[in-house]
Amino acid sequence: MFKCQVTNKLSKPLQKLNRLVIKTRPIQYRHWNRESEEEWFTNGFETVREINATDEGVELWNSLTPDQREAFVKKMK
């Protein structure tokens, strides 16, 4: 059992845990080829913050607009 951070309810026993990514940041990954001694970079994103959610919480999160999601995250802090 766990607490859904979207709905603030406890989950049912053996219910699946969903993780919602609420904050990411851009990152540049460095790659190195030892044989040819080449170096190159690729851009990507890394997860900064996740929250726990039940299936009901995921549905609620997906129904929110981006502005509502931002307000929700600010309220959580």
C-alpha atoms as a PDB file:
ATOM      1  CA  MET A   1       0.000   0.000   0.000  1.00  0.00           C
ATOM      2  CA  PHE A   2       1.114   3.544  -0.679  1.00  0.00           C
ATOM      3  CA  LYS A   3      -0.282   7.047  -0.587  1.00  0.00           C
ATOM      4  CA  CYS A   4      -1.299   8.578  -3.901  1.00  0.00           C
ATOM      5  CA  GLN A   5       0.258  12.028  -3.976  1.00  0.00           C
ATOM      6  CA  VAL A   6      -2.324  13.290  -6.478  1.00  0.00           C
ATOM      7  CA  THR A   7      -5.521  12.243  -4.689  1.00  0.00           C
ATOM      8  CA  ASN A   8      -4.043  11.990  -1.142  1.00  0.00           C
ATOM      9  CA  LYS A   9      -5.712   8.588  -0.688  1.00  0.00           C
ATOM     10  CA  LEU A  10      -4.216   5.262   0.333  1.00  0.00           C
ATOM     11  CA  SER A  11      -4.064   2.637  -2.365  1.00  0.00           C
ATOM     12  CA  LYS A  12      -5.712  -0.735  -2.140  1.00  0.00           C
ATOM     13  CA  PRO A  13      -3.542  -3.723  -1.208  1.00  0.00           C
ATOM     14  CA  LEU A  14      -1.471  -5.018  -4.159  1.00  0.00           C
ATOM     15  CA  GLN A  15      -2.482  -2.064  -6.349  1.00  0.00           C
ATOM     16  CA  LYS A  16       0.053  -1.039  -8.991  1.00  0.00           C
ATOM     17  CA  LEU A  17       2.246   1.986  -8.307  1.00  0.00           C
ATOM     18  CA  ASN A  18       2.504   4.562 -11.097  1.00  0.00           C
ATOM     19  CA  ARG A  19       5.255   7.158 -11.131  1.00  0.00           C
ATOM     20  CA  LEU A  20       4.477  10.510 -12.719  1.00  0.00           C
ATOM     21  CA  VAL A  21       7.384  12.662 -13.840  1.00  0.00           C
ATOM     22  CA  ILE A  22       6.651  16.226 -12.780  1.00  0.00           C
ATOM     23  CA  LYS A  23      10.017  17.874 -13.403  1.00  0.00           C
ATOM     24  CA  THR A  24      12.805  17.267 -15.912  1.00  0.00           C
ATOM     25  CA  ARG A  25      15.899  19.131 -17.009  1.00  0.00           C
ATOM     26  CA  PRO A  26      17.913  19.075 -20.226  1.00  0.00           C
ATOM     27  CA  ILE A  27      21.254  17.315 -20.152  1.00  0.00           C
ATOM     28  CA  GLN A  28      24.020  16.719 -22.623  1.00  0.00           C
ATOM     29  CA  TYR A  29      25.455  13.196 -22.632  1.00  0.00           C
ATOM     30  CA  ARG A  30      29.095  12.694 -23.589  1.00  0.00           C
ATOM     31  CA  HIS A  31      30.083   9.619 -25.587  1.00  0.00           C
ATOM     32  CA  TRP A  32      33.600   8.409 -26.269  1.00  0.00           C
ATOM     33  CA  ASN A  33      34.817   5.830 -28.753  1.00  0.00           C
ATOM     34  CA  ARG A  34      38.097   4.386 -27.463  1.00  0.00           C
ATOM     35  CA  GLU A  35      39.151   2.832 -30.742  1.00  0.00           C
ATOM     36  CA  SER A  36      38.879   5.905 -32.960  1.00  0.00           C
ATOM     37  CA  GLU A  37      39.233   8.372 -30.071  1.00  0.00           C
ATOM     38  CA  GLU A  38      36.150  10.240 -31.190  1.00  0.00           C
ATOM     39  CA  GLU A  39      33.981  12.201 -28.866  1.00  0.00           C
ATOM     40  CA  TRP A  40      30.386  13.243 -29.520  1.00  0.00           C
ATOM     41  CA  PHE A  41      27.463  14.575 -27.566  1.00  0.00           C
ATOM     42  CA  THR A  42      23.757  13.822 -27.575  1.00  0.00           C
ATOM     43  CA  ASN A  43      21.032  15.880 -25.944  1.00  0.00           C
ATOM     44  CA  GLY A  44      18.380  14.410 -23.705  1.00  0.00           C
ATOM     45  CA  PHE A  45      16.406  14.905 -20.524  1.00  0.00           C
ATOM     46  CA  GLU A  46      16.823  13.546 -17.031  1.00  0.00           C
ATOM     47  CA  THR A  47      14.130  13.142 -14.397  1.00  0.00           C
ATOM     48  CA  VAL A  48      14.396  15.524 -11.467  1.00  0.00           C
ATOM     49  CA  ARG A  49      11.195  14.762  -9.549  1.00  0.00           C
ATOM     50  CA  GLU A  50       8.557  12.026  -9.596  1.00  0.00           C
ATOM     51  CA  ILE A  51       5.409  11.445  -7.573  1.00  0.00           C
ATOM     52  CA  ASN A  52       3.503   8.253  -6.689  1.00  0.00           C
ATOM     53  CA  ALA A  53       0.027   7.829  -8.116  1.00  0.00           C
ATOM     54  CA  THR A  54      -2.741   5.264  -8.361  1.00  0.00           C
ATOM     55  CA  ASP A  55      -4.576   4.647 -11.628  1.00  0.00           C
ATOM     56  CA  GLU A  56      -7.212   7.143 -10.457  1.00  0.00           C
ATOM     57  CA  GLY A  57      -4.469   9.691  -9.752  1.00  0.00           C
ATOM     58  CA  VAL A  58      -2.994   9.202 -13.238  1.00  0.00           C
ATOM     59  CA  GLU A  59      -6.392   9.842 -14.838  1.00  0.00           C
ATOM     60  CA  LEU A  60      -6.806  12.974 -12.738  1.00  0.00           C
ATOM     61  CA  TRP A  61      -3.278  14.174 -13.598  1.00  0.00           C
ATOM     62  CA  ASN A  62      -3.848  13.614 -17.319  1.00  0.00           C
ATOM     63  CA  SER A  63      -7.088  15.625 -17.199  1.00  0.00           C
ATOM     64  CA  LEU A  64      -5.297  18.710 -15.811  1.00  0.00           C
ATOM     65  CA  THR A  65      -4.119  21.517 -18.069  1.00  0.00           C
ATOM     66  CA  PRO A  66      -0.417  22.511 -17.966  1.00  0.00           C
ATOM     67  CA  ASP A  67      -1.275  25.583 -15.862  1.00  0.00           C
ATOM     68  CA  GLN A  68      -3.240  23.461 -13.393  1.00  0.00           C
ATOM     69  CA  ARG A  69      -0.364  20.958 -13.172  1.00  0.00           C
ATOM     70  CA  GLU A  70       2.095  23.761 -12.415  1.00  0.00           C
ATOM     71  CA  ALA A  71      -0.168  25.128  -9.678  1.00  0.00           C
ATOM     72  CA  PHE A  72      -0.582  21.624  -8.238  1.00  0.00           C
ATOM     73  CA  VAL A  73       3.187  21.081  -8.075  1.00  0.00           C
ATOM     74  CA  LYS A  74       3.738  24.461  -6.409  1.00  0.00           C
ATOM     75  CA  LYS A  75       1.068  23.606  -3.834  1.00  0.00           C
ATOM     76  CA  MET A  76       2.841  20.290  -3.047  1.00  0.00           C
ATOM     77  CA  LYS A  77       6.066  21.977  -1.938  1.00  0.00           C
END
